Amino acid sequence: MAATDSTGDEIRGTVRGSAPVPLSVLDLVTVGAGRTATDALRTSVDIARLTESRGFHRYWVAEHHSMPGVASSSPAVILAHLAAHTDRIRLGSGGVMLPNHAPLVIAEQFGTLEALAPGRIDLGLGRAPGTDGATAAALRRSDRLDEGADDFPQQLAELTRFLDDDFPDGHPYRRIHAVPGPVQATSPGGVQSPHRPPIWLLGSSGFSARLAGMLGLPFAFAHHFSAQNTIPALDLYRQSFRPSAVLDAPYALIGVAALATDEEREARRQVRAAALNMVRLRMGRPGLVPTPEEAEAYEFSPMEEEFVRSWNANVVHGTADEVRSGLDDLQKRTGADELMLTGNAHSGEVRLRSYELIADAYGFPTAG
């Protein structure tokens, strides 16, 4: 594992323009009604290129399954594609749901990504399934869904040992090596990159916050869908933190739903359509992200209206200046070391424009 200073530098971003902390992007690869997964993946490349050129720090892809409006079921595949179309921006998983996968498989996938984009890969890990129970059972070939979550610390320890290639003598996995990986440096004539992907723990409650703190790992909290737990989880992370070979001080990132448009009214239209998508998901009827016109024509029940109001209260939206003000206030309230923005909207063009406007509002360097 890299020493504290080098690894910490990989994790800590550079503040651009007048932003209070580094800004990054979380991509769900959303698919709008009338669009295809191919369209969504092309938009992801466009956004990655744009945000790289404007000075955003990292670009993560989430793992979700069995959701028609989300085309990010295979983060490693998407990240390999993005690595081929970018040069500098850090790329990672936000996150890989570890209980869905064998630790050796993840070590191999992210070792391959590190070989493709040396020094640019983050491995963010979560313990939720990223889907409903039936789909999780199909992914894991088991109905014991609680088993995966309960075993998360053990799975994490196993994954870490595969990444570092340091199972102790006598361990049944001692002679197994994740390739690409450190074993190549110890082979005759072998040369291996000094980097390995930094591990982040992701969460929406206190479990991963405490574990990340105890292990001295960076922590990413899902403020965008669990805002009521943000400050308690960050407090728990900081209180639990123990310095490690990875970090000498806590480093907390929060995911933030944020959408900027040229006019405030248009921002309200866009986030209402995205909220309708969440209404349908919560009702067990996931679909493609509806258009603003479809949302305007939809007759929301009183209960659905309340859900939309509550959901959008945690979406930072409006003009570029309004979004900047909202992000600055959120960072001040939480003390987050980094903000990771996710701009969910029906149209890829709207999402691209949002990141452009936010970069402009903070005085980020112009694309060159």
Protein backbone atom coordinates (compact mmCIF):
# COMPACT_ATOMS: atom_id res chain seq x y z
CA MET A 1 0.00 0.00 0.00
CA ALA A 2 1.22 3.50 -0.76
CA ALA A 3 2.42 5.66 2.11
CA THR A 4 0.14 8.14 3.78
CA ASP A 5 1.31 11.18 1.84
CA SER A 6 1.08 9.66 -1.67
CA THR A 7 -2.19 7.86 -1.11
CA GLY A 8 -3.69 10.85 0.64
CA ASP A 9 -2.73 13.00 -2.31
CA GLU A 10 -4.50 10.59 -4.67
CA ILE A 11 -7.66 10.84 -2.58
CA ARG A 12 -7.64 14.55 -1.83
CA GLY A 13 -8.67 16.69 -4.76
CA THR A 14 -7.55 20.10 -5.92
CA VAL A 15 -9.91 23.00 -5.29
CA ARG A 16 -10.74 24.81 -8.54
CA GLY A 17 -11.87 28.39 -9.04
CA SER A 18 -13.86 29.66 -6.10
CA ALA A 19 -15.33 26.29 -5.05
CA PRO A 20 -14.99 25.66 -1.30
CA VAL A 21 -13.92 22.02 -1.90
CA PRO A 22 -13.20 19.82 -4.94
CA LEU A 23 -16.25 19.02 -7.08
CA SER A 24 -16.80 15.62 -8.69
CA VAL A 25 -19.51 13.74 -10.61
CA LEU A 26 -21.64 10.67 -9.87
CA ASP A 27 -23.18 9.19 -13.02
CA LEU A 28 -26.19 6.86 -12.94
CA VAL A 29 -26.14 6.62 -16.76
CA THR A 30 -29.81 7.56 -16.81
CA VAL A 31 -31.97 6.57 -19.78
CA GLY A 32 -34.78 8.95 -20.67
CA ALA A 33 -38.07 8.01 -22.33
CA GLY A 34 -37.56 7.86 -26.08
CA ARG A 35 -33.81 7.34 -25.62
CA THR A 36 -31.67 4.19 -25.58
CA ALA A 37 -28.91 2.82 -23.38
CA THR A 38 -26.53 3.60 -26.24
CA ASP A 39 -27.63 7.26 -26.06
CA ALA A 40 -27.09 7.27 -22.28
CA LEU A 41 -23.60 5.76 -22.51
CA ARG A 42 -22.60 8.26 -25.18
CA THR A 43 -23.81 11.04 -22.91
CA SER A 44 -21.63 9.63 -20.12
CA VAL A 45 -18.58 9.94 -22.36
CA ASP A 46 -19.56 13.50 -23.24
CA ILE A 47 -20.02 14.46 -19.59
CA ALA A 48 -16.75 12.78 -18.55
CA ARG A 49 -14.87 14.68 -21.23
CA LEU A 50 -16.55 17.97 -20.35
CA THR A 51 -16.00 17.68 -16.61
CA GLU A 52 -12.39 16.60 -17.11
CA SER A 53 -11.72 19.64 -19.29
CA ARG A 54 -13.39 21.96 -16.78
CA GLY A 55 -11.44 20.74 -13.74
CA PHE A 56 -13.82 18.41 -11.87
CA HIS A 57 -11.81 15.97 -9.73
CA ARG A 58 -13.33 12.52 -10.20
CA TYR A 59 -16.09 10.73 -12.12
CA TRP A 60 -17.81 7.76 -10.52
CA VAL A 61 -20.37 5.29 -11.87
CA ALA A 62 -22.98 3.63 -9.64
CA GLU A 63 -24.06 -0.02 -9.68
CA HIS A 64 -27.81 -0.60 -10.10
CA HIS A 65 -29.73 -3.58 -11.43
CA SER A 66 -33.13 -4.25 -13.03
CA MET A 67 -33.93 -0.54 -13.43
CA PRO A 68 -34.87 0.44 -17.00
CA GLY A 69 -33.96 4.09 -16.42
CA VAL A 70 -30.45 3.32 -15.14
CA ALA A 71 -27.89 1.73 -17.49
CA SER A 72 -25.07 1.36 -14.97
CA SER A 73 -25.36 -2.31 -14.10
CA SER A 74 -21.68 -3.00 -14.96
CA PRO A 75 -19.47 -0.23 -13.53
CA ALA A 76 -16.17 -1.87 -14.48
CA VAL A 77 -17.20 -2.14 -18.14
CA ILE A 78 -18.34 1.50 -18.26
CA LEU A 79 -15.21 2.71 -16.47
CA ALA A 80 -12.98 0.92 -19.00
CA HIS A 81 -14.86 2.73 -21.78
CA LEU A 82 -14.53 6.08 -20.02
CA ALA A 83 -10.83 5.47 -19.42
CA ALA A 84 -10.35 5.15 -23.19
CA HIS A 85 -12.00 8.56 -23.74
CA THR A 86 -10.35 10.59 -20.94
CA ASP A 87 -6.81 11.39 -19.86
CA ARG A 88 -6.67 12.94 -16.38
CA ILE A 89 -9.91 12.77 -14.40
CA ARG A 90 -10.07 10.09 -11.70
CA LEU A 91 -12.54 7.31 -12.49
CA GLY A 92 -14.24 5.02 -10.02
CA SER A 93 -17.22 3.12 -8.70
CA GLY A 94 -19.80 4.87 -6.62
CA GLY A 95 -20.02 2.11 -5.91
CA VAL A 96 -19.54 -1.57 -6.54
CA MET A 97 -21.93 -3.47 -4.28
CA LEU A 98 -19.43 -5.93 -2.82
CA PRO A 99 -21.93 -8.57 -1.55
CA ASN A 100 -23.06 -9.06 -5.16
CA HIS A 101 -19.59 -10.20 -6.24
CA ALA A 102 -16.71 -12.47 -5.27
CA PRO A 103 -13.87 -10.32 -3.88
CA LEU A 104 -11.36 -11.93 -6.27
CA VAL A 105 -13.47 -10.87 -9.26
CA ILE A 106 -13.53 -7.25 -8.07
CA ALA A 107 -9.77 -7.32 -7.44
CA GLU A 108 -9.20 -8.59 -10.99
CA GLN A 109 -11.60 -6.07 -12.55
CA PHE A 110 -10.10 -3.07 -10.77
CA GLY A 111 -6.56 -4.34 -11.27
CA THR A 112 -7.36 -4.35 -14.97
CA LEU A 113 -8.77 -0.83 -14.76
CA GLU A 114 -5.65 0.34 -12.95
CA ALA A 115 -3.54 -1.16 -15.74
CA LEU A 116 -5.67 0.69 -18.31
CA ALA A 117 -5.57 4.04 -16.48
CA PRO A 118 -2.65 3.97 -14.01
CA GLY A 119 -3.09 6.18 -10.97
CA ARG A 120 -6.62 7.26 -11.93
CA ILE A 121 -8.87 4.55 -10.47
CA ASP A 122 -10.94 4.62 -7.26
CA LEU A 123 -12.68 1.55 -5.84
CA GLY A 124 -15.81 2.65 -4.00
CA LEU A 125 -17.63 -0.16 -2.20
CA GLY A 126 -21.14 -0.48 -0.79
CA ARG A 127 -22.91 -3.28 1.04
CA ALA A 128 -26.48 -2.76 -0.26
CA PRO A 129 -27.67 -4.83 -3.25
CA GLY A 130 -28.40 -1.83 -5.48
CA THR A 131 -31.73 -3.37 -6.42
CA ASP A 132 -34.77 -5.25 -5.08
CA GLY A 133 -34.59 -8.48 -3.11
CA ALA A 134 -35.48 -10.84 -5.95
CA THR A 135 -32.86 -9.34 -8.25
CA ALA A 136 -30.27 -9.47 -5.49
CA ALA A 137 -31.04 -13.16 -4.98
CA ALA A 138 -30.55 -13.77 -8.71
CA LEU A 139 -27.22 -11.89 -8.63
CA ARG A 140 -25.94 -13.73 -5.58
CA ARG A 141 -27.53 -17.13 -6.30
CA SER A 142 -28.80 -17.09 -2.73
CA ASP A 143 -31.91 -16.04 -0.82
CA ARG A 144 -29.78 -15.16 2.22
CA LEU A 145 -29.55 -11.44 1.49
CA ASP A 146 -28.72 -10.57 5.10
CA GLU A 147 -25.69 -12.84 4.90
CA GLY A 148 -23.95 -10.63 2.32
CA ALA A 149 -24.45 -7.45 4.34
CA ASP A 150 -23.39 -9.08 7.62
CA ASP A 151 -20.25 -10.50 6.01
CA PHE A 152 -19.21 -7.17 4.50
CA PRO A 153 -16.21 -6.54 6.82
CA GLN A 154 -14.87 -10.03 6.06
CA GLN A 155 -15.44 -9.58 2.33
CA LEU A 156 -13.67 -6.22 2.49
CA ALA A 157 -10.69 -7.74 4.29
CA GLU A 158 -10.48 -10.50 1.69
CA LEU A 159 -10.68 -8.04 -1.19
CA THR A 160 -7.96 -5.87 0.37
CA ARG A 161 -5.65 -8.87 0.69
CA PHE A 162 -6.23 -9.80 -2.95
CA LEU A 163 -5.45 -6.23 -4.03
CA ASP A 164 -2.27 -6.17 -1.91
CA ASP A 165 -1.41 -9.84 -2.60
CA ASP A 166 -0.57 -10.42 1.05
CA PHE A 167 -2.49 -13.43 2.34
CA PRO A 168 -0.41 -14.94 5.17
CA ASP A 169 1.41 -18.26 4.93
CA GLY A 170 -0.97 -21.13 5.55
CA HIS A 171 -4.03 -19.29 4.27
CA PRO A 172 -5.94 -21.31 1.64
CA TYR A 173 -5.74 -18.33 -0.73
CA ARG A 174 -1.99 -17.76 -0.26
CA ARG A 175 -1.14 -19.09 -3.72
CA ILE A 176 -3.98 -17.24 -5.48
CA HIS A 177 -3.11 -13.93 -7.13
CA ALA A 178 -5.33 -11.21 -8.56
CA VAL A 179 -3.91 -10.38 -11.97
CA PRO A 180 -3.14 -7.66 -12.98
CA GLY A 181 -1.66 -7.07 -9.55
CA PRO A 182 1.41 -7.00 -7.29
CA VAL A 183 2.46 -10.59 -8.09
CA GLN A 184 3.68 -9.36 -11.46
CA ALA A 185 6.31 -7.22 -9.77
CA THR A 186 7.70 -10.25 -7.92
CA SER A 187 7.84 -12.48 -11.00
CA PRO A 188 11.24 -12.76 -12.72
CA GLY A 189 11.72 -9.59 -14.74
CA GLY A 190 8.28 -8.33 -13.72
CA VAL A 191 7.40 -4.67 -13.34
CA GLN A 192 4.16 -3.57 -11.68
CA SER A 193 2.61 -0.13 -11.24
CA PRO A 194 3.28 1.27 -7.73
CA HIS A 195 -0.40 2.21 -7.48
CA ARG A 196 -3.39 0.19 -6.54
CA PRO A 197 -6.90 1.64 -6.48
CA PRO A 198 -7.69 3.43 -3.20
CA ILE A 199 -10.66 1.83 -1.43
CA TRP A 200 -13.56 4.05 -0.39
CA LEU A 201 -16.48 2.92 1.73
CA LEU A 202 -19.92 4.17 0.70
CA GLY A 203 -23.00 4.36 2.87
CA SER A 204 -26.36 5.89 3.67
CA SER A 205 -26.36 5.10 7.40
CA GLY A 206 -23.91 4.65 10.26
CA PHE A 207 -22.54 1.15 9.56
CA SER A 208 -20.10 2.03 6.78
CA ALA A 209 -19.33 5.39 8.41
CA ARG A 210 -18.06 3.67 11.55
CA LEU A 211 -16.22 0.96 9.61
CA ALA A 212 -14.52 3.51 7.32
CA GLY A 213 -13.42 5.48 10.37
CA MET A 214 -12.07 2.46 12.20
CA LEU A 215 -10.09 1.36 9.12
CA GLY A 216 -8.85 4.86 8.30
CA LEU A 217 -10.46 4.86 4.85
CA PRO A 218 -12.12 7.70 2.94
CA PHE A 219 -15.91 7.75 3.25
CA ALA A 220 -18.60 8.72 0.76
CA PHE A 221 -22.11 9.38 2.06
CA ALA A 222 -25.27 9.24 -0.09
CA HIS A 223 -26.74 12.59 0.92
CA HIS A 224 -28.75 12.64 -2.33
CA PHE A 225 -31.14 9.98 -1.02
CA SER A 226 -30.52 9.91 2.73
CA ALA A 227 -30.15 13.57 3.65
CA GLN A 228 -31.58 13.15 7.16
CA ASN A 229 -28.66 10.87 8.05
CA THR A 230 -25.84 12.94 6.56
CA ILE A 231 -24.58 14.89 9.57
CA PRO A 232 -24.97 12.00 12.08
CA ALA A 233 -23.07 9.67 9.72
CA LEU A 234 -20.27 12.17 9.09
CA ASP A 235 -19.99 12.85 12.82
CA LEU A 236 -19.75 9.10 13.48
CA TYR A 237 -17.10 8.72 10.78
CA ARG A 238 -14.95 11.50 12.19
CA GLN A 239 -15.35 10.29 15.78
CA SER A 240 -14.43 6.72 14.78
CA PHE A 241 -11.49 7.70 12.58
CA ARG A 242 -8.11 6.13 13.26
CA PRO A 243 -5.09 7.22 11.18
CA SER A 244 -3.89 4.55 8.77
CA ALA A 245 -1.42 3.94 5.95
CA VAL A 246 -4.12 5.39 3.70
CA LEU A 247 -5.09 8.61 5.48
CA ASP A 248 -3.75 10.54 8.44
CA ALA A 249 -7.04 12.49 8.82
CA PRO A 250 -10.70 11.86 7.88
CA TYR A 251 -11.79 12.56 4.31
CA ALA A 252 -15.54 12.67 3.70
CA LEU A 253 -17.28 13.09 0.37
CA ILE A 254 -21.03 13.51 0.01
CA GLY A 255 -23.19 12.77 -3.02
CA VAL A 256 -25.46 15.68 -3.89
CA ALA A 257 -28.35 15.83 -6.34
CA ALA A 258 -27.79 19.10 -8.22
CA LEU A 259 -29.16 20.51 -11.46
CA ALA A 260 -28.51 23.97 -12.92
CA THR A 261 -30.42 25.44 -15.87
CA ASP A 262 -30.46 28.81 -17.57
CA GLU A 263 -33.86 29.63 -16.05
CA GLU A 264 -35.20 28.72 -12.60
CA ARG A 265 -38.58 27.56 -13.96
CA GLU A 266 -36.85 25.04 -16.24
CA ALA A 267 -34.94 23.59 -13.30
CA ARG A 268 -38.23 23.01 -11.47
CA ARG A 269 -39.68 21.26 -14.53
CA GLN A 270 -36.66 18.99 -14.85
CA VAL A 271 -36.43 17.92 -11.21
CA ARG A 272 -40.19 17.27 -11.06
CA ALA A 273 -39.83 14.80 -13.92
CA ALA A 274 -36.91 13.11 -12.15
CA ALA A 275 -39.01 12.95 -8.97
CA LEU A 276 -41.85 11.26 -10.89
CA ASN A 277 -39.34 8.60 -11.85
CA MET A 278 -38.59 8.07 -8.15
CA VAL A 279 -42.33 7.91 -7.35
CA ARG A 280 -42.71 5.07 -9.82
CA LEU A 281 -39.62 3.32 -8.50
CA ARG A 282 -40.94 3.46 -4.93
CA MET A 283 -44.25 2.02 -6.16
CA GLY A 284 -42.45 -0.95 -7.72
CA ARG A 285 -42.92 0.30 -11.27
CA PRO A 286 -39.46 1.45 -12.38
CA GLY A 287 -39.23 2.80 -15.89
CA LEU A 288 -37.40 5.19 -18.17
CA VAL A 289 -36.95 8.75 -16.87
CA PRO A 290 -40.06 10.66 -18.00
CA THR A 291 -39.98 13.93 -19.92
CA PRO A 292 -40.93 17.18 -18.18
CA GLU A 293 -44.03 17.26 -20.39
CA GLU A 294 -45.10 13.84 -19.13
CA ALA A 295 -44.61 14.97 -15.54
CA GLU A 296 -46.69 18.11 -16.18
CA ALA A 297 -49.54 15.97 -17.50
CA TYR A 298 -49.34 13.41 -14.68
CA GLU A 299 -51.98 13.64 -11.92
CA PHE A 300 -50.07 13.27 -8.67
CA SER A 301 -52.01 12.00 -5.67
CA PRO A 302 -51.67 13.99 -2.43
CA MET A 303 -49.28 11.35 -1.10
CA GLU A 304 -47.20 11.49 -4.27
CA GLU A 305 -47.12 15.28 -4.16
CA GLU A 306 -45.77 15.14 -0.62
CA PHE A 307 -43.11 12.68 -1.71
CA VAL A 308 -42.09 14.95 -4.61
CA ARG A 309 -41.93 17.97 -2.30
CA SER A 310 -39.81 16.10 0.23
CA TRP A 311 -37.54 14.57 -2.42
CA ASN A 312 -36.90 17.81 -4.28
CA ALA A 313 -36.20 19.68 -1.04
CA ASN A 314 -32.84 17.89 -1.09
CA VAL A 315 -32.12 18.54 -4.77
CA VAL A 316 -30.02 21.67 -5.23
CA HIS A 317 -31.59 23.18 -8.34
CA GLY A 318 -32.16 26.48 -10.07
CA THR A 319 -29.95 28.89 -11.96
CA ALA A 320 -26.18 28.52 -11.79
CA ASP A 321 -25.88 31.12 -9.03
CA GLU A 322 -28.67 29.48 -7.02
CA VAL A 323 -27.02 26.08 -7.32
CA ARG A 324 -23.66 27.51 -6.31
CA SER A 325 -25.23 29.13 -3.25
CA GLY A 326 -26.97 25.88 -2.31
CA LEU A 327 -23.81 23.82 -2.69
CA ASP A 328 -21.76 26.29 -0.68
CA ASP A 329 -24.33 26.23 2.12
CA LEU A 330 -24.47 22.43 2.14
CA GLN A 331 -20.70 22.14 2.32
CA LYS A 332 -20.59 24.63 5.17
CA ARG A 333 -23.30 22.75 7.12
CA THR A 334 -21.71 19.31 6.68
CA GLY A 335 -18.02 20.13 6.55
CA ALA A 336 -17.68 17.76 3.60
CA ASP A 337 -14.20 17.57 2.08
CA GLU A 338 -15.62 17.01 -1.41
CA LEU A 339 -18.99 17.32 -3.16
CA MET A 340 -19.95 14.73 -5.76
CA LEU A 341 -22.77 16.02 -7.96
CA THR A 342 -25.35 13.86 -9.65
CA GLY A 343 -27.60 15.66 -12.11
CA ASN A 344 -30.52 13.43 -12.96
CA ALA A 345 -32.68 14.61 -15.84
CA HIS A 346 -34.49 13.13 -18.82
CA SER A 347 -32.18 14.73 -21.38
CA GLY A 348 -28.46 14.24 -21.71
CA GLU A 349 -28.21 17.74 -23.10
CA VAL A 350 -29.74 19.14 -19.90
CA ARG A 351 -27.24 17.26 -17.77
CA LEU A 352 -24.30 18.46 -19.86
CA ARG A 353 -25.51 22.04 -19.66
CA SER A 354 -25.90 21.74 -15.89
CA TYR A 355 -22.25 20.80 -15.35
CA GLU A 356 -21.18 23.57 -17.72
CA LEU A 357 -23.19 26.14 -15.78
CA ILE A 358 -21.88 24.95 -12.42
CA ALA A 359 -18.29 25.10 -13.69
CA ASP A 360 -18.93 28.64 -14.94
CA ALA A 361 -20.46 29.70 -11.63
CA TYR A 362 -17.31 28.64 -9.79
CA GLY A 363 -14.92 30.09 -12.33
CA PHE A 364 -13.47 26.72 -13.31
CA PRO A 365 -11.01 26.79 -16.21
CA THR A 366 -12.61 26.90 -19.62
CA ALA A 367 -12.45 23.79 -21.78
CA GLY A 368 -9.29 23.65 -23.82
